[in-house]
Protein backbone atom coordinates (compact mmCIF):
# COMPACT_ATOMS: atom_id res chain seq x y z
CA MET A 1 -0.11 -0.03 0.08
CA GLY A 2 1.79 3.64 -0.93
CA PHE A 3 1.18 6.55 0.99
CA ILE A 4 -2.41 7.96 1.35
CA VAL A 5 -3.87 11.27 1.65
CA ALA A 6 -7.57 11.38 2.12
CA ILE A 7 -9.53 14.58 2.11
CA ASP A 8 -13.20 14.94 2.93
CA GLY A 9 -15.47 17.94 2.80
CA PRO A 10 -18.67 19.45 1.62
CA ALA A 11 -19.43 20.76 -1.92
CA GLY A 12 -17.84 23.79 -2.61
CA SER A 13 -14.95 23.63 0.42
CA GLY A 14 -11.99 24.07 -2.18
CA LYS A 15 -11.10 20.35 -1.91
CA GLY A 16 -11.07 19.47 -5.18
CA THR A 17 -8.26 22.84 -6.69
CA VAL A 18 -6.77 21.93 -3.12
CA THR A 19 -5.68 18.52 -3.62
CA SER A 20 -4.70 19.36 -7.37
CA ILE A 21 -2.29 21.74 -6.16
CA LEU A 22 -0.93 19.87 -3.53
CA ALA A 23 -0.52 16.53 -5.89
CA LYS A 24 1.63 18.74 -7.87
CA LYS A 25 3.40 20.47 -5.10
CA LEU A 26 4.23 17.05 -3.39
CA LYS A 27 4.39 14.82 -6.15
CA LEU A 28 1.54 12.67 -5.39
CA ASN A 29 -0.93 10.95 -7.91
CA SER A 30 -4.45 12.75 -7.77
CA ILE A 31 -7.45 10.74 -8.12
CA ASP A 32 -10.88 12.88 -8.70
CA THR A 33 -13.30 10.27 -7.23
CA GLY A 34 -16.15 13.00 -7.16
CA ALA A 35 -15.40 13.11 -11.48
CA MET A 36 -16.13 9.06 -11.15
CA TYR A 37 -19.43 9.44 -10.03
CA ARG A 38 -20.43 12.43 -11.94
CA CYS A 39 -19.32 9.75 -14.92
CA VAL A 40 -21.69 6.92 -13.71
CA THR A 41 -24.29 9.92 -13.20
CA LEU A 42 -24.08 11.21 -16.52
CA GLN A 43 -24.41 7.71 -17.99
CA MET A 44 -27.39 6.94 -16.03
CA ILE A 45 -29.17 10.46 -17.59
CA ARG A 46 -27.76 9.37 -20.99
CA GLU A 47 -29.58 6.00 -20.96
CA ASN A 48 -32.89 7.52 -19.18
CA VAL A 49 -32.21 5.18 -15.66
CA SER A 50 -33.99 6.20 -13.02
CA LEU A 51 -32.47 5.97 -9.37
CA ASP A 52 -34.46 2.88 -7.84
CA ASP A 53 -33.76 0.69 -10.99
CA ILE A 54 -30.76 -1.00 -9.55
CA GLU A 55 -30.85 -3.61 -12.39
CA LYS A 56 -30.39 -1.23 -14.93
CA VAL A 57 -27.79 0.80 -12.52
CA LYS A 58 -25.74 -2.83 -12.23
CA GLU A 59 -25.83 -3.01 -16.15
CA ILE A 60 -24.40 0.38 -16.40
CA LEU A 61 -21.58 -0.52 -13.68
CA GLU A 62 -20.47 -3.58 -15.47
CA LYS A 63 -19.81 -2.26 -18.70
CA ILE A 64 -18.94 1.62 -17.69
CA ASP A 65 -15.35 2.87 -18.75
CA ILE A 66 -13.68 5.87 -16.85
CA GLU A 67 -10.60 7.02 -17.68
CA LEU A 68 -8.52 10.14 -15.27
CA ILE A 69 -6.29 11.34 -17.91
CA LYS A 70 -3.37 14.15 -17.36
CA GLU A 71 -2.77 16.76 -19.93
CA ASN A 72 -0.63 19.68 -19.32
CA ASP A 73 -1.43 19.75 -15.92
CA ASN A 74 -5.32 19.58 -16.53
CA LEU A 75 -7.38 16.33 -16.09
CA ILE A 76 -9.19 14.80 -18.93
CA VAL A 77 -12.08 12.84 -18.18
CA LYS A 78 -13.21 10.22 -20.75
CA LEU A 79 -16.54 8.09 -20.24
CA ASN A 80 -16.57 5.09 -22.57
CA GLY A 81 -13.45 6.65 -24.69
CA GLU A 82 -15.67 10.18 -25.11
CA ASP A 83 -14.47 13.38 -23.16
CA VAL A 84 -16.97 14.52 -20.53
CA SER A 85 -14.65 16.72 -18.73
CA LYS A 86 -17.18 19.58 -19.17
CA GLU A 87 -20.48 17.97 -19.37
CA ILE A 88 -19.76 16.22 -16.13
CA ARG A 89 -20.14 19.53 -14.28
CA GLU A 90 -23.36 20.75 -15.71
CA ASN A 91 -26.11 21.56 -14.05
CA PRO A 92 -27.99 18.26 -14.93
CA VAL A 93 -25.50 16.28 -13.40
CA ASN A 94 -25.08 18.86 -10.64
CA LYS A 95 -28.93 18.20 -9.78
CA MET A 96 -28.46 14.28 -9.75
CA VAL A 97 -24.83 13.25 -8.29
CA SER A 98 -25.47 12.97 -5.07
CA ASN A 99 -28.64 10.76 -5.09
CA VAL A 100 -26.30 8.41 -7.26
CA SER A 101 -23.57 8.56 -5.20
CA ALA A 102 -25.47 6.94 -2.35
CA ILE A 103 -26.84 4.03 -4.34
CA LYS A 104 -24.83 1.12 -2.40
CA GLU A 105 -24.16 -0.79 -5.67
CA VAL A 106 -22.64 2.61 -7.01
CA ARG A 107 -20.14 3.13 -3.78
CA LEU A 108 -19.15 -0.40 -3.83
CA LYS A 109 -17.93 -0.44 -7.01
CA LEU A 110 -15.93 2.43 -7.33
CA VAL A 111 -14.82 2.28 -3.83
CA ASP A 112 -13.03 -0.82 -4.95
CA LEU A 113 -11.83 0.75 -8.10
CA GLN A 114 -10.42 3.45 -5.90
CA ARG A 115 -8.60 1.21 -3.29
CA LYS A 116 -7.19 -0.75 -6.42
CA MET A 117 -5.36 2.60 -7.47
CA ALA A 118 -3.88 3.25 -4.18
CA GLU A 119 -2.23 -0.20 -3.87
CA THR A 120 0.88 0.35 -5.82
CA GLN A 121 1.11 4.36 -5.87
CA ASP A 122 1.14 7.51 -3.27
CA ILE A 123 -2.02 9.15 -3.45
CA ILE A 124 -4.23 12.29 -2.51
CA MET A 125 -7.87 11.31 -3.03
CA GLU A 126 -10.77 13.95 -2.19
CA GLY A 127 -14.25 12.92 -1.98
CA ARG A 128 -17.40 13.02 0.34
CA ASP A 129 -16.36 9.69 2.62
CA ILE A 130 -12.75 9.24 1.45
CA THR A 131 -11.69 9.03 5.41
CA THR A 132 -14.28 7.44 6.28
CA VAL A 133 -15.64 4.51 3.87
CA VAL A 134 -12.97 4.21 1.23
CA PHE A 135 -9.77 4.81 2.94
CA PRO A 136 -10.32 4.67 7.14
CA ASN A 137 -6.38 3.89 7.49
CA ALA A 138 -5.36 6.33 5.10
CA ASP A 139 -2.08 8.15 6.39
CA VAL A 140 -3.13 11.76 6.45
CA LYS A 141 -7.32 12.46 6.90
CA ILE A 142 -8.16 16.03 6.30
CA TYR A 143 -11.79 17.17 6.42
CA MET A 144 -11.96 20.78 4.80
CA ASP A 145 -15.02 22.75 5.58
CA ALA A 146 -16.31 26.54 5.08
CA ASP A 147 -19.16 28.32 5.60
CA LEU A 148 -22.52 27.55 3.21
CA GLU A 149 -22.35 30.81 1.49
CA GLU A 150 -18.68 31.26 1.15
CA ARG A 151 -18.89 27.59 -0.92
CA ALA A 152 -21.79 28.90 -2.95
CA LYS A 153 -20.17 31.92 -4.04
CA ARG A 154 -17.11 29.75 -5.07
CA ARG A 155 -19.23 27.59 -6.92
CA PHE A 156 -20.87 30.16 -8.69
CA LYS A 157 -17.60 31.50 -9.42
CA GLN A 158 -16.39 28.41 -11.07
CA ASN A 159 -19.54 27.71 -12.81
CA GLN A 160 -18.92 31.27 -14.35
CA GLU A 161 -15.20 30.65 -15.38
CA LYS A 162 -16.73 27.18 -17.15
CA ASN A 163 -19.56 29.16 -18.70
CA ILE A 164 -22.09 27.31 -17.38
CA GLU A 165 -25.28 29.13 -16.91
CA CYS A 166 -27.10 29.91 -13.47
CA THR A 167 -27.79 32.25 -11.00
CA TYR A 168 -26.15 32.41 -7.42
CA GLU A 169 -29.64 31.91 -5.68
CA GLU A 170 -29.44 28.84 -7.58
CA VAL A 171 -26.49 27.50 -6.49
CA LEU A 172 -26.89 28.57 -2.89
CA GLU A 173 -30.12 26.63 -2.98
CA ASP A 174 -28.53 23.24 -4.82
CA MET A 175 -25.70 23.34 -1.99
CA ARG A 176 -27.87 23.62 0.78
CA LYS A 177 -30.10 20.93 -0.45
CA ARG A 178 -27.01 18.78 -1.52
CA ASP A 179 -25.63 19.28 1.88
CA GLU A 180 -28.64 17.71 3.91
CA ASN A 181 -28.76 14.93 1.47
CA ASP A 182 -24.79 14.02 2.03
CA ARG A 183 -25.35 14.20 5.63
CA ASN A 184 -28.19 11.92 5.71
CA LYS A 185 -27.44 9.07 3.54
CA GLU A 186 -27.28 5.74 4.52
CA PHE A 187 -24.78 4.63 2.92
CA GLY A 188 -21.59 6.74 2.59
CA ALA A 189 -22.70 9.75 4.22
CA LEU A 190 -20.51 12.94 4.74
CA LYS A 191 -18.72 12.66 8.09
CA ILE A 192 -16.02 13.58 10.00
CA ALA A 193 -13.67 11.11 10.90
CA ASP A 194 -12.47 10.81 14.38
CA ASP A 195 -8.51 11.44 13.39
CA ALA A 196 -9.48 13.92 10.71
CA ILE A 197 -7.72 17.15 11.13
CA ILE A 198 -10.51 20.12 10.18
CA VAL A 199 -9.32 23.13 8.14
CA ASP A 200 -12.01 25.51 7.95
CA SER A 201 -10.89 27.63 4.73
CA THR A 202 -13.86 30.53 4.66
CA ASN A 203 -11.40 33.07 5.97
CA MET A 204 -8.35 31.32 4.66
CA SER A 205 -6.86 31.99 1.10
CA GLN A 206 -6.02 29.22 -0.86
CA ASP A 207 -2.23 29.54 -0.15
CA GLU A 208 -2.57 29.07 3.42
CA VAL A 209 -4.86 26.40 2.93
CA VAL A 210 -2.35 24.65 0.66
CA LYS A 211 0.59 25.55 2.84
CA LYS A 212 -1.27 24.09 6.06
CA ILE A 213 -2.17 20.78 4.87
CA ALA A 214 1.33 20.11 2.87
CA LYS A 215 3.12 20.81 6.21
CA ILE A 216 0.87 18.13 7.96
CA ILE A 217 1.61 15.91 4.93
CA LYS A 218 5.35 16.24 4.75
CA ASN A 219 5.60 15.97 8.67
CA GLN A 220 3.38 12.40 8.39
CA LYS A 221 5.72 11.41 5.46
CA LYS A 222 8.58 11.78 7.90
CA THR A 223 6.62 9.46 10.41
CA LYS A 224 6.06 6.79 8.19
CA LYS A 225 9.13 6.54 6.79
CA LEU A 226 10.21 6.09 10.62
CA GLU A 227 7.56 3.46 11.39
CA PRO A 228 10.46 0.29 11.20
CA GLU A 229 12.36 2.19 13.88
CA ILE A 230 8.68 3.34 16.11
CA TYR A 231 7.40 -0.59 15.64
CA LYS A 232 10.79 -2.04 16.45
CA ILE A 233 10.99 -4.12 19.45
CA ARG A 234 14.23 -4.23 21.27
CA PRO A 235 15.47 -7.59 22.46
CA GLU A 236 15.43 -7.89 26.50
CA THR A 237 19.25 -8.69 27.12
CA LYS A 238 21.04 -8.03 30.25
CA TRP A 239 22.67 -4.75 29.01
CA LYS A 240 18.95 -3.59 28.51
CA ILE A 241 18.05 -4.74 31.74
CA VAL A 242 20.75 -2.73 33.74
CA GLU A 243 20.22 0.38 31.58
CA ARG A 244 16.72 0.34 32.48
CA LYS A 245 17.61 0.01 36.07
CA ILE A 246 19.93 3.32 35.82
CA VAL A 247 17.50 5.27 33.63
CA LYS A 248 14.61 4.54 36.00
CA TRP A 249 17.08 5.23 38.81
CA PHE A 250 17.87 8.50 37.43
CA LEU A 251 14.37 9.75 36.55
CA ARG A 252 12.86 8.78 40.03
CA THR A 253 15.62 11.13 41.68
CA LEU A 254 14.73 13.78 39.42
CA TYR A 255 11.06 13.70 40.18
CA LYS A 256 12.06 13.49 44.00
CA ILE A 257 14.15 16.69 43.53
CA PHE A 258 11.46 18.51 41.94
CA TYR A 259 8.39 17.26 42.80
CA ARG A 260 7.27 15.64 46.29
CA VAL A 261 5.37 12.73 44.37
CA LYS A 262 2.89 10.82 46.87
CA VAL A 263 1.92 7.07 45.76
CA SER A 264 -0.91 5.33 47.44
CA GLY A 265 -3.05 2.02 47.14
CA GLU A 266 -0.04 0.00 45.56
CA GLU A 267 -1.27 -3.01 47.71
CA ASN A 268 -4.20 -2.77 44.90
CA LYS A 269 -1.84 -3.87 42.17
CA ALA A 270 -0.64 -6.77 43.94
CA LYS A 271 -4.41 -8.12 44.13
CA ALA A 272 -4.72 -7.69 40.28
CA ALA A 273 -1.58 -9.38 39.99
CA GLU A 274 -2.93 -12.58 41.91
CA GLN A 275 -4.89 -13.30 38.79
CA GLY A 276 -2.40 -12.68 36.43
CA GLY A 277 -1.68 -9.48 33.75
CA TYR A 278 -3.85 -6.79 34.30
CA ILE A 279 -4.58 -3.23 32.75
CA ILE A 280 -3.91 -0.01 34.54
CA CYS A 281 -6.22 3.09 33.82
CA ALA A 282 -5.35 6.48 34.46
CA ASN A 283 -6.42 10.06 34.02
CA HIS A 284 -3.73 12.30 31.74
CA VAL A 285 -3.14 15.45 33.36
CA ASN A 286 0.34 15.99 32.01
CA MET A 287 2.93 14.67 30.11
CA LEU A 288 5.00 13.85 33.48
CA ASP A 289 2.77 11.67 34.73
CA ALA A 290 3.10 8.38 32.80
CA VAL A 291 6.87 8.61 33.36
CA ALA A 292 6.05 8.91 37.13
CA ILE A 293 4.10 5.87 36.91
CA VAL A 294 6.60 3.91 35.63
CA VAL A 295 9.56 5.15 37.96
CA PHE A 296 8.10 4.77 40.95
CA SER A 297 6.50 1.22 40.90
CA LYS A 298 8.54 -1.95 41.39
CA GLU A 299 6.60 -3.68 38.88
CA THR A 300 7.02 -3.72 34.94
CA ILE A 301 4.59 -1.36 33.54
CA ILE A 302 4.20 -1.31 30.20
CA PHE A 303 2.57 1.69 28.86
CA VAL A 304 0.44 2.16 25.58
CA GLY A 305 1.61 5.63 23.65
CA LYS A 306 0.69 7.64 20.65
CA HIS A 307 2.91 6.01 17.42
CA ASP A 308 4.15 9.82 16.51
CA LEU A 309 5.88 10.60 19.86
CA GLY A 310 8.53 8.03 18.16
CA ARG A 311 9.29 10.66 15.39
CA ILE A 312 11.65 12.25 18.37
CA PRO A 313 14.93 9.83 18.85
CA ILE A 314 15.23 10.30 22.64
CA LEU A 315 11.51 9.39 23.11
CA ARG A 316 11.88 6.55 20.69
CA TRP A 317 14.94 5.35 22.73
CA LEU A 318 13.16 5.74 25.95
CA GLU A 319 10.10 3.72 24.34
CA HIS A 320 12.25 0.55 23.15
CA LEU A 321 14.09 0.95 26.46
CA PHE A 322 10.36 0.68 28.46
CA ASP A 323 8.99 -1.27 25.83
CA VAL A 324 5.92 1.36 25.28
CA ILE A 325 3.61 0.16 22.57
CA PRO A 326 3.19 2.50 19.94
CA ILE A 327 -0.39 3.05 18.51
CA LYS A 328 -2.09 4.92 15.83
CA ARG A 329 -5.13 6.80 17.31
CA ASN A 330 -8.57 6.75 16.28
CA GLN A 331 -7.86 3.78 13.74
CA GLN A 332 -7.92 0.23 14.19
CA ASP A 333 -4.13 -0.52 14.91
CA MET A 334 -4.39 -4.73 15.32
CA GLU A 335 -0.67 -5.12 15.17
CA ALA A 336 -0.79 -3.02 18.53
CA MET A 337 -3.95 -4.84 19.84
CA LYS A 338 -1.81 -7.94 19.51
CA ARG A 339 0.72 -6.82 21.44
CA CYS A 340 -1.38 -5.48 23.94
CA LEU A 341 -3.12 -8.53 24.65
CA LYS A 342 0.54 -10.42 24.61
CA THR A 343 1.70 -8.20 27.62
CA ILE A 344 -1.52 -9.18 29.22
CA LYS A 345 -1.30 -12.78 28.65
CA ASP A 346 2.15 -12.66 30.03
CA GLY A 347 1.29 -11.41 33.37
CA LYS A 348 2.79 -8.33 32.88
CA ALA A 349 0.82 -4.43 33.72
CA LEU A 350 -0.50 -3.19 30.76
CA ALA A 351 -1.37 1.04 31.23
CA ILE A 352 -3.70 2.89 29.10
CA PHE A 353 -4.87 6.64 29.38
CA PRO A 354 -8.22 6.04 27.99
CA GLU A 355 -9.24 9.66 27.10
CA GLY A 356 -6.17 9.42 24.66
CA THR A 357 -5.15 13.17 25.23
CA ARG A 358 -3.83 15.05 27.87
CA LYS A 359 -6.75 16.48 30.28
CA GLY A 360 -9.21 14.64 28.14
CA LEU A 361 -11.89 15.03 30.51
CA GLU A 362 -11.61 18.73 30.88
CA LYS A 363 -12.10 19.03 26.91
CA ASN A 364 -15.03 16.69 27.05
CA ALA A 365 -12.97 14.38 24.67
CA LYS A 366 -14.68 11.23 23.99
CA VAL A 367 -13.54 8.68 25.97
CA LYS A 368 -11.78 5.20 24.11
CA ASN A 369 -13.00 1.97 24.75
CA GLY A 370 -9.64 0.35 24.17
CA ALA A 371 -8.94 -0.79 27.74
CA ALA A 372 -12.69 -1.97 28.44
CA TYR A 373 -12.30 -3.82 25.27
CA MET A 374 -8.99 -5.80 25.74
CA ALA A 375 -9.78 -6.40 29.86
CA ILE A 376 -13.50 -8.02 28.78
CA LYS A 377 -11.70 -10.42 25.70
CA SER A 378 -8.84 -11.41 28.09
CA GLY A 379 -10.70 -11.67 31.20
CA CYS A 380 -8.05 -9.73 33.34
CA PRO A 381 -9.13 -6.87 35.83
CA VAL A 382 -8.48 -3.15 35.60
CA VAL A 383 -7.03 -1.00 38.27
CA PRO A 384 -8.02 2.67 38.42
CA VAL A 385 -5.90 5.32 38.79
CA GLY A 386 -6.28 8.72 39.86
CA ILE A 387 -3.68 11.67 39.06
CA SER A 388 -3.99 14.94 40.82
CA GLY A 389 -1.84 17.74 41.03
CA SER A 390 -0.59 21.10 39.02
CA PHE A 391 2.49 19.65 38.11
CA LYS A 392 4.27 23.10 39.25
CA LEU A 393 8.09 22.77 40.01
CA PHE A 394 8.24 21.92 44.01
CA THR A 395 4.81 20.75 44.41
CA ARG A 396 2.89 17.69 45.18
CA PHE A 397 1.31 15.60 42.94
CA ASN A 398 -0.68 12.35 43.86
CA ILE A 399 -1.07 8.55 42.45
CA LYS A 400 -3.40 6.92 43.97
CA TYR A 401 -4.33 3.22 42.88
CA GLY A 402 -7.99 2.13 43.70
CA GLU A 403 -9.25 -1.15 43.76
CA PRO A 404 -9.16 -3.69 40.94
CA ILE A 405 -12.19 -3.62 38.99
CA ASP A 406 -13.56 -7.46 37.53
CA MET A 407 -14.62 -7.12 34.07
CA SER A 408 -15.85 -10.39 33.93
CA LYS A 409 -19.58 -9.47 34.06
CA TYR A 410 -19.60 -7.73 30.91
CA LYS A 411 -18.63 -10.61 28.72
CA VAL A 412 -21.53 -12.38 27.56
CA LYS A 413 -21.84 -14.74 24.89
CA GLY A 414 -23.56 -15.17 21.47
CA ILE A 415 -24.55 -11.30 21.51
CA ASP A 416 -24.97 -8.86 18.45
CA LYS A 417 -22.19 -6.26 17.83
CA THR A 418 -24.40 -3.54 18.68
CA LYS A 419 -24.99 -4.75 22.28
CA GLU A 420 -21.39 -5.67 22.45
CA LYS A 421 -20.46 -2.03 21.99
CA GLU A 422 -23.36 -1.52 24.89
CA LEU A 423 -21.45 -3.44 27.46
CA GLN A 424 -17.79 -1.92 26.42
CA ASP A 425 -19.42 1.72 26.79
CA GLN A 426 -20.90 0.40 30.25
CA ALA A 427 -17.24 -0.96 30.95
CA THR A 428 -15.49 2.39 30.20
CA LYS A 429 -18.03 4.27 32.45
CA GLU A 430 -17.08 2.43 35.22
CA ILE A 431 -13.84 2.63 34.86
CA MET A 432 -13.56 6.16 34.59
CA ASP A 433 -15.90 7.20 37.42
CA ALA A 434 -13.54 5.15 39.54
CA VAL A 435 -10.65 7.26 38.06
CA VAL A 436 -12.53 10.32 38.51
CA MET A 437 -13.14 9.55 42.36
CA LEU A 438 -9.91 8.82 43.14
CA THR A 439 -8.58 12.22 41.64
CA LYS A 440 -10.35 13.82 44.12
């Protein structure tokens, strides 16, 4: 799989133009997915096929030939060998394309084609559900947005430049209807992916938008190149054990000098360890709290941390030394999940911040279900931890371990995915309620 940049957003947000510029600037292959849906729409119009005639739609999909060709920096769109670059942007297609793109059979066919295009090349794609359906594990996810009126002005200007007859009021009304339709589709609806970076271009120039997104892409490209190093597991040698003890002693000494750390309830870890491996769930107040949990524990505690921390050499070295498990946030990182479950199976303590970010509770961030999922799946207990304090120099901060929580009551066989998710939500709430109580 190549390097994938996925850009979502409503009609008129500028994603098409920006994607084209970024493709040239960063030497990425640009695939206009919107043009592909427009070709299907145009063919349906030509053959007078209604939206509910699925059999006829399938016939079109079986024989349709779509080509996207770059000529002198311009995109030439060919439908069954005919240049339709202008025709697919005209009003008949504009009014129907949103409904056509909601047809399940159409989306499945084109999504399959788009994924095949990404197997062997570095690409940048824009569309309505690129980050959520087509490429949910894209390397970079951008959601471009802008006010409705601003988007209508841009689309009206584009139409004038292409000699497409329409009024601004018509464009505004069409866009309002399309927004409503796109966001409420049963299949392939316009949504903001959990890990997408939102770029609101309402008050930004095109150059500012391009510069901002280009920087995000370049940083992520550097991270991806480092992934073999980030995910590398350092063998457990005698020297590594000695090195870890020295570093742990040194860091603990620094904490004792600059902070008054109070640790209580450690007997609760011993209770949990009687059953084998267990999960520690703590609130995340400061970047220093994870280190404090590790260096003030006699037991080996293996943390789960966001994988892009590994871009920094010193942090990558520490992660390898303390066997930190890197994970891609808001994605189904199966490799990280396997390492987490193995850690528990090996009888060790796995530490997770369910908030997923510092001061997540204060920010009303959505608490992640990962810890609950693994605890239920492995049958291990969860030890809640409350961390409190200002983390100002020479002040006290507290690390308080609570009673282990038995997760076995949430493991029910023979239930559907919806009920399983509800139980994980309930388990997560119980864990976080205990964590919050320990911070008081």
